[in-house]
Amino acid sequence: MGKVKTHKASAKRFSVTGTGKVKLNHCHRRHKTGNKSGNKLRHLRGSAYVQGKMAENVKALICK
């Protein structure tokens, strides 16, 4: 039986914290920011956490 490989696209977008939470950075911050309000850009600045079943799915993709 072969090795379980890491899904590289997911590994570049998500990371697992020391407590086991799945962390991600917000999208829509690269370009066309002049059309977005400052309030929206401020909320997109920080990172966020994946919740629920989606977190389990992401962990399965980026398992090591």
Protein backbone atom coordinates (compact mmCIF):
# COMPACT_ATOMS: atom_id res chain seq x y z
CA MET A 1 0.00 0.00 0.00
CA GLY A 2 1.33 3.43 -0.96
CA LYS A 3 1.96 6.41 1.25
CA VAL A 4 -0.74 8.95 2.09
CA LYS A 5 0.26 12.15 0.33
CA THR A 6 -0.35 15.71 1.43
CA HIS A 7 -2.68 17.80 -0.74
CA LYS A 8 -0.22 20.59 -1.55
CA ALA A 9 -2.80 23.21 -2.59
CA SER A 10 -4.54 22.85 0.77
CA ALA A 11 -1.26 22.79 2.68
CA LYS A 12 -0.38 26.19 1.24
CA ARG A 13 -3.70 27.71 2.33
CA PHE A 14 -4.33 26.13 5.73
CA SER A 15 -2.25 25.39 8.81
CA VAL A 16 -2.99 23.48 12.01
CA THR A 17 -2.29 25.26 15.28
CA GLY A 18 -0.81 23.65 18.37
CA THR A 19 -4.27 23.16 19.87
CA GLY A 20 -5.54 21.45 16.70
CA LYS A 21 -7.53 24.30 15.15
CA VAL A 22 -7.31 24.86 11.40
CA LYS A 23 -6.18 28.39 10.57
CA LEU A 24 -6.57 30.25 7.26
CA ASN A 25 -5.97 33.70 5.81
CA HIS A 26 -8.81 35.66 4.24
CA CYS A 27 -9.15 36.02 0.48
CA HIS A 28 -10.11 39.12 -1.60
CA ARG A 29 -7.19 41.22 -0.30
CA ARG A 30 -4.79 41.10 -3.27
CA HIS A 31 -6.20 43.57 -5.76
CA LYS A 32 -9.21 45.77 -6.47
CA THR A 33 -9.09 47.00 -2.90
CA GLY A 34 -10.09 50.52 -3.91
CA ASN A 35 -13.67 49.33 -4.45
CA LYS A 36 -13.90 47.75 -1.01
CA SER A 37 -14.69 49.73 2.12
CA GLY A 38 -12.08 50.22 4.80
CA ASN A 39 -14.28 48.35 7.26
CA LYS A 40 -14.34 45.29 4.99
CA LEU A 41 -10.58 45.39 4.42
CA ARG A 42 -9.96 45.73 8.14
CA HIS A 43 -11.99 42.59 8.85
CA LEU A 44 -10.16 40.69 6.11
CA ARG A 45 -6.77 41.64 7.54
CA GLY A 46 -6.56 39.02 10.28
CA SER A 47 -6.70 35.27 10.05
CA ALA A 48 -9.70 33.04 10.74
CA TYR A 49 -10.43 29.49 11.80
CA VAL A 50 -12.25 26.73 9.95
CA GLN A 51 -15.13 25.27 11.93
CA GLY A 52 -17.02 22.02 12.18
CA LYS A 53 -16.89 19.25 9.62
CA MET A 54 -14.88 21.37 7.20
CA ALA A 55 -11.99 21.44 9.69
CA GLU A 56 -11.96 17.64 9.79
CA ASN A 57 -11.88 17.50 5.99
CA VAL A 58 -8.98 19.95 5.78
CA LYS A 59 -7.02 18.05 8.42
CA ALA A 60 -7.44 14.87 6.40
CA LEU A 61 -6.05 16.63 3.31
CA ILE A 62 -2.99 18.07 5.02
CA CYS A 63 -2.16 15.14 7.29
CA LYS A 64 1.53 14.40 7.62
